[in-house]
């Protein structure tokens, strides 16, 4: 299958699945099965049409763990290995994903303990686009993190964007410009998912 990082980051992977959320669609086993099923054929001009799918980011979560292991920083377990405290490969991969982000993204900008769940008394509420409904405590997404939410306060999210777009702490200027020019992981103003943040 001919997928690139650019395909995943711009939602042009060609996976023939609906854009769904939840562990049964975005967990490790679901991602493995969709990848095994292949993608639509790449057109002659080289780009598939853009179709937003959480699965693209779910696959990046799994790939990131494998790439991190290649650096020698961690040893990556395989299916069938003893996973220790982790209940499944999904749990294990999500833990590696959040650990990677903490070490390489959030620690350098002094944002501590970022997770894919917030079950505290002061949990950040999730509001559906369009308004009119009260906020709810979002579900624990730790088993399929990456395709679902990282929990950051408004202050932490603002701090992240300030560092991303105004310093070279997270990306060199050339990498940031490449991200913007190619729209890697950036949605346009109005999408099928509502109004999104765009720099």
Protein backbone atom coordinates (compact mmCIF):
# COMPACT_ATOMS: atom_id res chain seq x y z
CA UNK A 1 0.00 0.00 0.00
CA UNK A 2 1.33 3.41 -0.95
CA UNK A 3 0.56 5.69 1.98
CA UNK A 4 2.85 8.53 3.01
CA UNK A 5 3.01 10.66 6.15
CA UNK A 6 1.72 13.53 4.01
CA UNK A 7 -1.31 11.40 3.03
CA UNK A 8 -2.15 10.77 6.69
CA UNK A 9 -1.58 14.35 7.80
CA UNK A 10 -3.75 15.76 5.00
CA UNK A 11 -6.41 13.02 5.09
CA UNK A 12 -5.64 11.69 1.63
CA UNK A 13 -4.81 8.13 2.70
CA UNK A 14 -7.60 6.49 0.73
CA UNK A 15 -8.88 4.30 3.57
CA UNK A 16 -12.35 3.17 2.61
CA UNK A 17 -14.00 3.58 6.01
CA UNK A 18 -16.41 6.05 7.56
CA UNK A 19 -15.12 8.76 9.89
CA UNK A 20 -16.03 7.19 13.20
CA UNK A 21 -14.86 7.60 16.78
CA UNK A 22 -14.36 5.19 19.64
CA UNK A 23 -12.09 2.29 20.48
CA UNK A 24 -13.84 -0.26 18.27
CA UNK A 25 -13.05 1.94 15.23
CA UNK A 26 -9.75 3.52 16.24
CA UNK A 27 -8.08 1.11 18.64
CA UNK A 28 -4.95 -0.82 17.73
CA UNK A 29 -6.76 -3.89 16.39
CA UNK A 30 -9.20 -1.83 14.30
CA UNK A 31 -6.33 0.17 12.76
CA UNK A 32 -4.40 -3.03 12.03
CA UNK A 33 -7.40 -4.55 10.26
CA UNK A 34 -8.14 -1.45 8.16
CA UNK A 35 -4.50 -1.17 7.09
CA UNK A 36 -4.51 -4.84 6.11
CA UNK A 37 -7.56 -4.11 3.91
CA UNK A 38 -5.62 -1.56 1.86
CA UNK A 39 -6.65 1.73 0.35
CA UNK A 40 -8.28 3.09 -2.74
CA UNK A 41 -5.98 3.35 -5.75
CA UNK A 42 -3.93 6.53 -6.01
CA UNK A 43 -5.05 8.60 -9.03
CA UNK A 44 -2.63 9.21 -11.89
CA UNK A 45 -2.10 12.83 -10.81
CA UNK A 46 -0.79 11.59 -7.47
CA UNK A 47 -3.30 12.79 -4.86
CA UNK A 48 -6.37 11.10 -3.52
CA UNK A 49 -9.27 13.40 -2.57
CA UNK A 50 -9.22 14.81 0.95
CA UNK A 51 -11.60 12.90 3.25
CA UNK A 52 -11.26 13.65 6.95
CA UNK A 53 -10.96 10.43 8.95
CA UNK A 54 -9.86 10.02 12.56
CA UNK A 55 -8.26 6.77 11.42
CA UNK A 56 -5.43 8.70 9.75
CA UNK A 57 -4.29 10.02 13.13
CA UNK A 58 -4.91 6.66 14.77
CA UNK A 59 -2.46 5.08 12.33
CA UNK A 60 0.08 7.83 13.03
CA UNK A 61 -0.19 6.99 16.74
CA UNK A 62 0.84 3.38 16.04
CA UNK A 63 3.56 4.35 13.55
CA UNK A 64 5.06 6.90 15.97
CA UNK A 65 5.66 4.18 18.55
CA UNK A 66 7.51 2.09 15.98
CA UNK A 67 9.62 5.02 14.82
CA UNK A 68 10.46 5.97 18.40
CA UNK A 69 11.69 2.42 19.00
CA UNK A 70 14.03 2.77 16.01
CA UNK A 71 15.87 5.58 17.86
CA UNK A 72 16.85 3.12 20.58
CA UNK A 73 15.10 5.16 23.30
CA UNK A 74 12.52 2.43 23.88
CA UNK A 75 12.05 -1.25 23.12
CA UNK A 76 8.82 -1.87 21.26
CA UNK A 77 6.71 -4.87 22.24
CA UNK A 78 5.00 -6.93 19.57
CA UNK A 79 1.65 -8.70 19.50
CA UNK A 80 1.84 -11.70 21.81
CA UNK A 81 4.60 -10.22 24.02
CA UNK A 82 4.09 -9.74 27.74
CA UNK A 83 2.86 -6.15 28.01
CA UNK A 84 3.32 -5.86 31.75
CA UNK A 85 0.91 -3.30 33.18
CA UNK A 86 -0.82 -2.74 29.83
CA UNK A 87 -4.00 -4.67 29.11
CA UNK A 88 -3.74 -4.66 25.32
CA UNK A 89 -1.64 -3.47 22.39
CA UNK A 90 -4.03 -0.51 22.14
CA UNK A 91 -3.37 0.50 25.73
CA UNK A 92 0.37 -0.01 25.21
CA UNK A 93 0.53 2.01 21.97
CA UNK A 94 -1.50 4.87 23.43
CA UNK A 95 0.80 4.97 26.47
CA UNK A 96 3.84 5.18 24.16
CA UNK A 97 2.16 7.89 22.11
CA UNK A 98 1.42 10.10 25.12
CA UNK A 99 4.91 9.43 26.53
CA UNK A 100 6.48 10.47 23.22
CA UNK A 101 4.43 13.66 23.05
CA UNK A 102 5.20 14.47 26.67
CA UNK A 103 8.95 14.06 26.14
CA UNK A 104 9.28 15.72 22.73
CA UNK A 105 6.45 18.26 22.61
CA UNK A 106 5.10 19.16 26.05
CA UNK A 107 8.15 18.92 28.33
CA UNK A 108 10.14 21.39 26.18
CA UNK A 109 7.37 23.99 26.66
CA UNK A 110 6.71 23.15 30.34
CA UNK A 111 3.25 21.61 30.05
CA UNK A 112 3.07 18.73 32.51
CA UNK A 113 1.22 15.42 32.55
CA UNK A 114 -0.78 15.58 29.31
CA UNK A 115 -3.20 12.66 28.99
CA UNK A 116 -6.15 11.53 26.87
CA UNK A 117 -8.57 11.65 29.74
CA UNK A 118 -9.58 14.15 32.39
CA UNK A 119 -11.72 12.68 35.12
CA UNK A 120 -10.97 15.20 37.85
CA UNK A 121 -13.49 17.38 39.62
CA UNK A 122 -12.45 20.31 37.41
CA UNK A 123 -12.48 18.32 34.15
CA UNK A 124 -12.55 20.35 30.96
CA UNK A 125 -15.98 20.14 29.35
CA UNK A 126 -16.55 19.22 25.70
CA UNK A 127 -18.97 21.37 23.72
CA UNK A 128 -20.35 20.19 20.40
CA UNK A 129 -19.95 22.61 17.47
CA UNK A 130 -22.95 24.83 16.92
CA UNK A 131 -23.69 25.48 20.57
CA UNK A 132 -27.06 25.15 22.21
CA UNK A 133 -26.12 22.19 24.38
CA UNK A 134 -24.38 22.17 27.75
CA UNK A 135 -20.82 20.92 27.96
CA UNK A 136 -20.20 17.34 29.00
CA UNK A 137 -17.20 15.52 30.43
CA UNK A 138 -15.68 13.89 27.36
CA UNK A 139 -15.06 10.14 27.38
CA UNK A 140 -11.76 8.60 28.38
CA UNK A 141 -9.91 8.31 25.07
CA UNK A 142 -6.70 6.85 26.44
CA UNK A 143 -7.14 3.58 24.52
CA UNK A 144 -7.25 5.36 21.16
CA UNK A 145 -5.37 8.55 21.87
CA UNK A 146 -4.14 10.52 18.88
CA UNK A 147 -7.35 10.10 16.94
CA UNK A 148 -9.18 11.50 19.93
CA UNK A 149 -8.53 14.31 22.32
CA UNK A 150 -5.54 15.23 24.34
CA UNK A 151 -6.76 17.16 27.34
CA UNK A 152 -5.24 20.63 27.60
CA UNK A 153 -6.58 23.68 29.37
CA UNK A 154 -7.23 26.82 27.29
CA UNK A 155 -4.03 28.27 28.73
CA UNK A 156 -2.03 25.16 27.79
CA UNK A 157 -3.47 25.06 24.27
CA UNK A 158 -2.66 28.74 23.77
CA UNK A 159 0.86 28.17 25.07
CA UNK A 160 1.31 25.27 22.63
CA UNK A 161 0.26 27.40 19.64
CA UNK A 162 2.42 30.33 20.73
CA UNK A 163 5.46 28.06 20.86
CA UNK A 164 4.52 26.26 17.64
CA UNK A 165 3.98 29.36 15.52
CA UNK A 166 6.34 31.88 17.13
CA UNK A 167 9.45 29.98 18.25
CA UNK A 168 11.69 27.18 17.03
CA UNK A 169 11.34 25.17 20.24
CA UNK A 170 9.01 22.62 18.64
CA UNK A 171 9.78 23.02 14.94
CA UNK A 172 12.46 24.85 12.98
CA UNK A 173 11.07 27.72 10.92
CA UNK A 174 11.44 25.71 7.70
CA UNK A 175 9.51 22.77 9.17
CA UNK A 176 6.75 25.06 10.43
CA UNK A 177 6.44 26.69 7.01
CA UNK A 178 6.28 23.27 5.36
CA UNK A 179 3.51 22.29 7.80
CA UNK A 180 1.53 25.43 6.93
CA UNK A 181 2.14 25.30 3.17
CA UNK A 182 1.12 21.64 2.93
CA UNK A 183 -1.63 21.94 5.55
CA UNK A 184 -0.17 19.05 7.55
CA UNK A 185 -2.65 18.43 10.39
CA UNK A 186 -4.39 21.77 9.78
CA UNK A 187 -8.03 22.04 8.80
CA UNK A 188 -9.45 24.86 6.75
CA UNK A 189 -11.75 27.41 8.39
CA UNK A 190 -15.07 25.59 7.90
CA UNK A 191 -14.94 21.82 7.64
CA UNK A 192 -17.38 18.96 7.83
CA UNK A 193 -16.50 19.00 11.55
CA UNK A 194 -17.44 22.64 12.09
CA UNK A 195 -15.28 25.71 12.53
CA UNK A 196 -11.67 24.82 13.26
CA UNK A 197 -8.68 26.73 14.49
CA UNK A 198 -6.31 27.77 11.74
CA UNK A 199 -3.21 29.95 11.97
